[in-house]
Amino acid sequence: MLRWTVTFIILAIIAAVFGFGGIAEGAADIAKILFYIFLVLLVVSLITGRRKL
């Protein structure tokens, strides 16, 4: 999921350089959403930890 976030951030930067405002905003919004989902999953995995069976 982190890979998707980086992909959308790069897409947003490229679109912003070429002046495509709507595409850049959309890609940046998707990247933000994926980043926050990644952070929540990271915190949950750190709290639960790995358990040996």
N, C-alpha and C. Protein backbone atom coordinates (compact mmCIF):
# COMPACT_ATOMS: atom_id res chain seq x y z
N MET A 1 0.82 -1.18 0.00
CA MET A 1 0.00 0.00 0.00
C MET A 1 0.87 1.25 0.00
N LEU A 2 2.02 1.18 0.63
CA LEU A 2 2.94 2.31 0.62
C LEU A 2 3.42 2.59 -0.80
N ARG A 3 3.57 1.55 -1.59
CA ARG A 3 3.99 1.71 -2.98
C ARG A 3 2.95 2.50 -3.78
N TRP A 4 1.65 2.24 -3.50
CA TRP A 4 0.59 2.99 -4.18
C TRP A 4 0.62 4.46 -3.78
N THR A 5 0.90 4.73 -2.50
CA THR A 5 0.97 6.10 -2.03
C THR A 5 2.08 6.85 -2.75
N VAL A 6 3.24 6.24 -2.84
CA VAL A 6 4.36 6.88 -3.53
C VAL A 6 4.03 7.08 -5.01
N THR A 7 3.37 6.12 -5.63
CA THR A 7 2.99 6.23 -7.04
C THR A 7 2.07 7.43 -7.26
N PHE A 8 1.06 7.59 -6.40
CA PHE A 8 0.13 8.70 -6.57
C PHE A 8 0.78 10.04 -6.25
N ILE A 9 1.73 10.07 -5.31
CA ILE A 9 2.45 11.31 -5.02
C ILE A 9 3.27 11.73 -6.24
N ILE A 10 3.97 10.77 -6.85
CA ILE A 10 4.76 11.08 -8.04
C ILE A 10 3.86 11.52 -9.18
N LEU A 11 2.72 10.85 -9.36
CA LEU A 11 1.76 11.24 -10.39
C LEU A 11 1.24 12.66 -10.15
N ALA A 12 0.98 13.00 -8.89
CA ALA A 12 0.50 14.34 -8.56
C ALA A 12 1.56 15.39 -8.85
N ILE A 13 2.82 15.09 -8.56
CA ILE A 13 3.90 16.05 -8.83
C ILE A 13 4.07 16.25 -10.33
N ILE A 14 4.05 15.17 -11.09
CA ILE A 14 4.19 15.28 -12.55
C ILE A 14 3.01 16.06 -13.14
N ALA A 15 1.80 15.77 -12.69
CA ALA A 15 0.63 16.48 -13.20
C ALA A 15 0.67 17.96 -12.82
N ALA A 16 1.18 18.27 -11.64
CA ALA A 16 1.28 19.66 -11.22
C ALA A 16 2.30 20.42 -12.06
N VAL A 17 3.40 19.76 -12.42
CA VAL A 17 4.42 20.40 -13.25
C VAL A 17 3.84 20.75 -14.62
N PHE A 18 3.02 19.87 -15.18
CA PHE A 18 2.45 20.12 -16.49
C PHE A 18 1.19 20.97 -16.43
N GLY A 19 0.71 21.30 -15.24
CA GLY A 19 -0.41 22.22 -15.10
C GLY A 19 -1.79 21.59 -15.13
N PHE A 20 -1.87 20.30 -14.91
CA PHE A 20 -3.18 19.65 -14.87
C PHE A 20 -3.68 19.68 -13.43
N GLY A 21 -4.37 20.75 -13.07
CA GLY A 21 -4.78 20.96 -11.68
C GLY A 21 -5.70 19.89 -11.14
N GLY A 22 -6.72 19.51 -11.94
CA GLY A 22 -7.68 18.51 -11.45
C GLY A 22 -7.06 17.16 -11.24
N ILE A 23 -6.19 16.75 -12.16
CA ILE A 23 -5.54 15.44 -12.04
C ILE A 23 -4.58 15.44 -10.86
N ALA A 24 -3.85 16.55 -10.68
CA ALA A 24 -2.90 16.63 -9.57
C ALA A 24 -3.62 16.58 -8.23
N GLU A 25 -4.74 17.30 -8.13
CA GLU A 25 -5.49 17.28 -6.88
C GLU A 25 -6.06 15.91 -6.59
N GLY A 26 -6.57 15.24 -7.62
CA GLY A 26 -7.13 13.91 -7.43
C GLY A 26 -6.09 12.90 -6.98
N ALA A 27 -4.93 12.94 -7.63
CA ALA A 27 -3.85 12.01 -7.26
C ALA A 27 -3.33 12.32 -5.86
N ALA A 28 -3.24 13.59 -5.51
CA ALA A 28 -2.78 13.95 -4.17
C ALA A 28 -3.77 13.51 -3.11
N ASP A 29 -5.07 13.64 -3.41
CA ASP A 29 -6.08 13.18 -2.45
C ASP A 29 -6.02 11.68 -2.24
N ILE A 30 -5.86 10.94 -3.32
CA ILE A 30 -5.75 9.48 -3.21
C ILE A 30 -4.51 9.10 -2.42
N ALA A 31 -3.40 9.80 -2.69
CA ALA A 31 -2.15 9.51 -1.96
C ALA A 31 -2.32 9.78 -0.47
N LYS A 32 -3.01 10.85 -0.11
CA LYS A 32 -3.25 11.16 1.31
C LYS A 32 -4.08 10.08 1.98
N ILE A 33 -5.14 9.66 1.31
CA ILE A 33 -6.02 8.64 1.88
C ILE A 33 -5.25 7.34 2.10
N LEU A 34 -4.48 6.92 1.09
CA LEU A 34 -3.70 5.69 1.23
C LEU A 34 -2.65 5.82 2.32
N PHE A 35 -2.05 6.99 2.44
CA PHE A 35 -1.04 7.21 3.48
C PHE A 35 -1.65 7.07 4.87
N TYR A 36 -2.84 7.64 5.08
CA TYR A 36 -3.48 7.54 6.39
C TYR A 36 -3.92 6.11 6.69
N ILE A 37 -4.39 5.40 5.69
CA ILE A 37 -4.73 3.99 5.88
C ILE A 37 -3.49 3.20 6.27
N PHE A 38 -2.37 3.48 5.60
CA PHE A 38 -1.11 2.82 5.92
C PHE A 38 -0.69 3.10 7.36
N LEU A 39 -0.84 4.35 7.80
CA LEU A 39 -0.46 4.69 9.17
C LEU A 39 -1.33 3.97 10.20
N VAL A 40 -2.63 3.88 9.92
CA VAL A 40 -3.53 3.19 10.85
C VAL A 40 -3.15 1.71 10.94
N LEU A 41 -2.89 1.09 9.79
CA LEU A 41 -2.49 -0.31 9.80
C LEU A 41 -1.17 -0.52 10.51
N LEU A 42 -0.24 0.42 10.37
CA LEU A 42 1.04 0.33 11.06
C LEU A 42 0.85 0.40 12.56
N VAL A 43 0.04 1.33 13.03
CA VAL A 43 -0.19 1.47 14.47
C VAL A 43 -0.88 0.23 15.03
N VAL A 44 -1.86 -0.29 14.30
CA VAL A 44 -2.55 -1.50 14.75
C VAL A 44 -1.58 -2.68 14.84
N SER A 45 -0.72 -2.81 13.84
CA SER A 45 0.23 -3.93 13.86
C SER A 45 1.27 -3.75 14.98
N LEU A 46 1.64 -2.51 15.29
CA LEU A 46 2.58 -2.29 16.39
C LEU A 46 1.93 -2.58 17.74
N ILE A 47 0.66 -2.26 17.88
CA ILE A 47 -0.04 -2.49 19.13
C ILE A 47 -0.25 -3.99 19.36
N THR A 48 -0.70 -4.69 18.32
CA THR A 48 -0.98 -6.11 18.50
C THR A 48 0.31 -6.92 18.57
N GLY A 49 1.32 -6.54 17.82
CA GLY A 49 2.59 -7.24 17.85
C GLY A 49 2.50 -8.62 17.22
N ARG A 50 3.64 -9.25 17.12
CA ARG A 50 3.68 -10.61 16.58
C ARG A 50 3.58 -11.59 17.72
N ARG A 51 2.71 -12.53 17.55
CA ARG A 51 2.54 -13.57 18.58
C ARG A 51 3.01 -14.90 18.01
N LYS A 52 3.80 -15.61 18.80
CA LYS A 52 4.25 -16.93 18.38
C LYS A 52 3.18 -17.95 18.72
N LEU A 53 2.89 -18.79 17.76
CA LEU A 53 1.87 -19.82 17.98
C LEU A 53 2.47 -21.10 18.46
